[in-house]
Amino acid sequence: MSEPQSDSKTFRATLERFRGNGLNWVIVQLPFSVEKRWKTRGTLRVNVEVNGFHYRTALFPTGAGQHFLLVNKKMQKA
């Protein structure tokens, strides 16, 4: 069995309110190309750290060549 690869990427971003879906999500738009970095345009499962808060989530494609991740209220307070 192969070992999972650790290919981390550190960046700073601003939380944004995304109201386009009626759910009033808070998201982070990734300031780099997921396709160039990890060779995928689809959803990508990742481990994330936001201000010291670690969790597992996904990077979701926007359909316009970018990706975002969701940030819930607990993570926003971290």
N, C-alpha and C. Protein backbone atom coordinates (compact mmCIF):
# COMPACT_ATOMS: atom_id res chain seq x y z
N MET A 1 0.85 -1.17 0.00
CA MET A 1 0.00 0.00 0.00
C MET A 1 0.89 1.24 0.00
N SER A 2 0.56 2.23 -0.81
CA SER A 2 1.37 3.44 -0.89
C SER A 2 1.03 4.41 0.23
N GLU A 3 2.03 5.20 0.61
CA GLU A 3 1.85 6.22 1.63
C GLU A 3 1.13 7.43 1.04
N PRO A 4 0.22 8.06 1.82
CA PRO A 4 -0.43 9.28 1.30
C PRO A 4 0.60 10.40 1.14
N GLN A 5 0.40 11.18 0.12
CA GLN A 5 1.31 12.29 -0.12
C GLN A 5 0.93 13.49 0.73
N SER A 6 1.94 14.19 1.20
CA SER A 6 1.70 15.42 1.95
C SER A 6 2.18 16.57 1.09
N ASP A 7 1.28 17.26 0.48
CA ASP A 7 1.60 18.38 -0.41
C ASP A 7 0.85 19.59 0.11
N SER A 8 1.42 20.27 1.10
CA SER A 8 0.70 21.37 1.74
C SER A 8 0.87 22.67 0.97
N LYS A 9 -0.07 23.56 1.22
CA LYS A 9 -0.06 24.89 0.61
C LYS A 9 -0.54 25.87 1.67
N THR A 10 0.26 26.84 2.00
CA THR A 10 -0.10 27.86 2.99
C THR A 10 -0.48 29.14 2.26
N PHE A 11 -1.57 29.76 2.71
CA PHE A 11 -1.99 31.02 2.11
C PHE A 11 -2.85 31.81 3.09
N ARG A 12 -3.01 33.07 2.83
CA ARG A 12 -3.88 33.95 3.60
C ARG A 12 -5.05 34.33 2.72
N ALA A 13 -6.23 34.39 3.32
CA ALA A 13 -7.42 34.75 2.56
C ALA A 13 -8.44 35.38 3.50
N THR A 14 -9.40 36.05 2.92
CA THR A 14 -10.45 36.71 3.68
C THR A 14 -11.73 35.89 3.61
N LEU A 15 -12.41 35.78 4.75
CA LEU A 15 -13.71 35.10 4.75
C LEU A 15 -14.70 35.93 3.96
N GLU A 16 -15.53 35.26 3.17
CA GLU A 16 -16.54 35.94 2.35
C GLU A 16 -17.91 35.33 2.60
N ARG A 17 -18.93 36.14 2.58
CA ARG A 17 -20.30 35.64 2.68
C ARG A 17 -20.77 35.29 1.29
N PHE A 18 -21.22 34.05 1.10
CA PHE A 18 -21.69 33.57 -0.20
C PHE A 18 -23.20 33.36 -0.09
N ARG A 19 -23.96 34.23 -0.72
CA ARG A 19 -25.42 34.18 -0.62
C ARG A 19 -26.09 33.62 -1.87
N GLY A 20 -25.30 33.25 -2.86
CA GLY A 20 -25.84 32.83 -4.14
C GLY A 20 -26.71 31.58 -4.10
N ASN A 21 -26.56 30.77 -3.07
CA ASN A 21 -27.31 29.52 -2.99
C ASN A 21 -28.46 29.58 -2.00
N GLY A 22 -28.69 30.72 -1.37
CA GLY A 22 -29.76 30.88 -0.38
C GLY A 22 -29.40 30.32 0.99
N LEU A 23 -28.19 29.77 1.15
CA LEU A 23 -27.80 29.16 2.42
C LEU A 23 -26.95 30.08 3.29
N ASN A 24 -26.52 31.22 2.77
CA ASN A 24 -25.75 32.19 3.54
C ASN A 24 -24.46 31.60 4.08
N TRP A 25 -23.72 30.87 3.24
CA TRP A 25 -22.46 30.25 3.63
C TRP A 25 -21.37 31.29 3.82
N VAL A 26 -20.37 30.95 4.64
CA VAL A 26 -19.12 31.70 4.72
C VAL A 26 -18.06 30.82 4.06
N ILE A 27 -17.35 31.39 3.11
CA ILE A 27 -16.38 30.63 2.33
C ILE A 27 -15.04 31.33 2.28
N VAL A 28 -14.05 30.60 1.82
CA VAL A 28 -12.74 31.15 1.48
C VAL A 28 -12.48 30.77 0.02
N GLN A 29 -12.29 31.76 -0.81
CA GLN A 29 -11.88 31.52 -2.20
C GLN A 29 -10.38 31.25 -2.19
N LEU A 30 -9.95 30.17 -2.81
CA LEU A 30 -8.52 29.86 -2.85
C LEU A 30 -7.81 30.81 -3.82
N PRO A 31 -6.72 31.44 -3.35
CA PRO A 31 -6.03 32.43 -4.19
C PRO A 31 -4.99 31.81 -5.13
N PHE A 32 -5.19 30.56 -5.49
CA PHE A 32 -4.28 29.88 -6.41
C PHE A 32 -5.08 28.84 -7.18
N SER A 33 -4.47 28.28 -8.20
CA SER A 33 -5.14 27.30 -9.05
C SER A 33 -4.98 25.89 -8.47
N VAL A 34 -6.08 25.30 -8.05
CA VAL A 34 -6.08 23.91 -7.58
C VAL A 34 -5.69 22.98 -8.72
N GLU A 35 -6.14 23.28 -9.92
CA GLU A 35 -5.82 22.45 -11.08
C GLU A 35 -4.31 22.41 -11.32
N LYS A 36 -3.66 23.55 -11.25
CA LYS A 36 -2.21 23.59 -11.47
C LYS A 36 -1.46 22.92 -10.31
N ARG A 37 -1.94 23.12 -9.10
CA ARG A 37 -1.24 22.60 -7.91
C ARG A 37 -1.43 21.10 -7.74
N TRP A 38 -2.69 20.61 -7.87
CA TRP A 38 -2.99 19.21 -7.58
C TRP A 38 -3.62 18.46 -8.75
N LYS A 39 -3.59 19.05 -9.93
CA LYS A 39 -4.00 18.38 -11.17
C LYS A 39 -5.44 17.88 -11.16
N THR A 40 -6.36 18.65 -10.58
CA THR A 40 -7.77 18.30 -10.63
C THR A 40 -8.62 19.57 -10.74
N ARG A 41 -9.74 19.45 -11.45
CA ARG A 41 -10.69 20.56 -11.53
C ARG A 41 -11.93 20.26 -10.71
N GLY A 42 -12.02 19.05 -10.17
CA GLY A 42 -13.19 18.64 -9.40
C GLY A 42 -13.03 18.90 -7.91
N THR A 43 -13.94 18.31 -7.13
CA THR A 43 -13.89 18.40 -5.68
C THR A 43 -12.68 17.62 -5.18
N LEU A 44 -11.98 18.18 -4.20
CA LEU A 44 -10.76 17.58 -3.67
C LEU A 44 -10.85 17.51 -2.15
N ARG A 45 -10.75 16.31 -1.58
CA ARG A 45 -10.76 16.13 -0.12
C ARG A 45 -9.41 16.56 0.44
N VAL A 46 -9.43 17.37 1.51
CA VAL A 46 -8.20 17.93 2.08
C VAL A 46 -8.29 18.00 3.59
N ASN A 47 -7.12 18.10 4.23
CA ASN A 47 -7.01 18.44 5.64
C ASN A 47 -6.65 19.91 5.70
N VAL A 48 -7.34 20.66 6.55
CA VAL A 48 -7.21 22.11 6.58
C VAL A 48 -6.90 22.57 8.00
N GLU A 49 -6.15 23.65 8.10
CA GLU A 49 -5.96 24.33 9.38
C GLU A 49 -6.30 25.80 9.18
N VAL A 50 -7.26 26.29 9.97
CA VAL A 50 -7.65 27.69 9.93
C VAL A 50 -7.42 28.25 11.33
N ASN A 51 -6.45 29.14 11.47
CA ASN A 51 -6.13 29.76 12.76
C ASN A 51 -5.97 28.72 13.87
N GLY A 52 -5.27 27.62 13.58
CA GLY A 52 -5.02 26.58 14.57
C GLY A 52 -6.12 25.55 14.71
N PHE A 53 -7.24 25.69 14.00
CA PHE A 53 -8.34 24.74 14.04
C PHE A 53 -8.18 23.77 12.87
N HIS A 54 -7.97 22.48 13.18
CA HIS A 54 -7.75 21.46 12.15
C HIS A 54 -9.06 20.74 11.85
N TYR A 55 -9.32 20.49 10.57
CA TYR A 55 -10.49 19.71 10.18
C TYR A 55 -10.31 19.14 8.78
N ARG A 56 -11.15 18.20 8.44
CA ARG A 56 -11.16 17.58 7.11
C ARG A 56 -12.36 18.13 6.36
N THR A 57 -12.13 18.54 5.13
CA THR A 57 -13.20 19.13 4.32
C THR A 57 -12.91 18.87 2.85
N ALA A 58 -13.54 19.61 2.01
CA ALA A 58 -13.31 19.50 0.57
C ALA A 58 -13.13 20.89 -0.02
N LEU A 59 -12.37 20.93 -1.09
CA LEU A 59 -12.27 22.14 -1.91
C LEU A 59 -13.27 21.94 -3.04
N PHE A 60 -14.19 22.88 -3.16
CA PHE A 60 -15.27 22.76 -4.13
C PHE A 60 -15.02 23.66 -5.33
N PRO A 61 -15.23 23.13 -6.55
CA PRO A 61 -15.05 23.96 -7.73
C PRO A 61 -16.18 24.97 -7.88
N THR A 62 -15.86 26.14 -8.40
CA THR A 62 -16.87 27.18 -8.63
C THR A 62 -17.51 27.04 -10.00
N GLY A 63 -16.88 26.30 -10.88
CA GLY A 63 -17.37 26.22 -12.25
C GLY A 63 -16.72 27.26 -13.14
N ALA A 64 -15.94 28.15 -12.52
CA ALA A 64 -15.25 29.20 -13.27
C ALA A 64 -13.73 29.05 -13.16
N GLY A 65 -13.29 27.83 -12.85
CA GLY A 65 -11.85 27.57 -12.79
C GLY A 65 -11.23 27.82 -11.42
N GLN A 66 -12.01 28.17 -10.42
CA GLN A 66 -11.50 28.41 -9.07
C GLN A 66 -12.12 27.39 -8.12
N HIS A 67 -11.63 27.37 -6.88
CA HIS A 67 -12.17 26.50 -5.83
C HIS A 67 -12.38 27.33 -4.57
N PHE A 68 -13.25 26.82 -3.68
CA PHE A 68 -13.47 27.45 -2.39
C PHE A 68 -13.64 26.37 -1.34
N LEU A 69 -13.54 26.77 -0.06
CA LEU A 69 -13.84 25.87 1.04
C LEU A 69 -14.81 26.56 1.98
N LEU A 70 -15.62 25.75 2.65
CA LEU A 70 -16.62 26.26 3.60
C LEU A 70 -15.97 26.48 4.96
N VAL A 71 -16.41 27.51 5.66
CA VAL A 71 -15.92 27.81 7.00
C VAL A 71 -17.13 27.97 7.91
N ASN A 72 -17.33 27.00 8.83
CA ASN A 72 -18.50 27.09 9.70
C ASN A 72 -18.27 28.05 10.87
N LYS A 73 -19.30 28.28 11.67
CA LYS A 73 -19.22 29.27 12.75
C LYS A 73 -18.16 28.93 13.78
N LYS A 74 -18.00 27.66 14.11
CA LYS A 74 -16.98 27.25 15.08
C LYS A 74 -15.59 27.60 14.57
N MET A 75 -15.35 27.35 13.29
CA MET A 75 -14.05 27.66 12.70
C MET A 75 -13.83 29.17 12.60
N GLN A 76 -14.89 29.91 12.36
CA GLN A 76 -14.77 31.37 12.25
C GLN A 76 -14.30 31.99 13.57
N LYS A 77 -14.67 31.37 14.69
CA LYS A 77 -14.29 31.89 16.00
C LYS A 77 -12.89 31.49 16.41
N ALA A 78 -12.30 30.51 15.72
CA ALA A 78 -10.97 30.01 16.08
C ALA A 78 -9.90 31.06 15.84
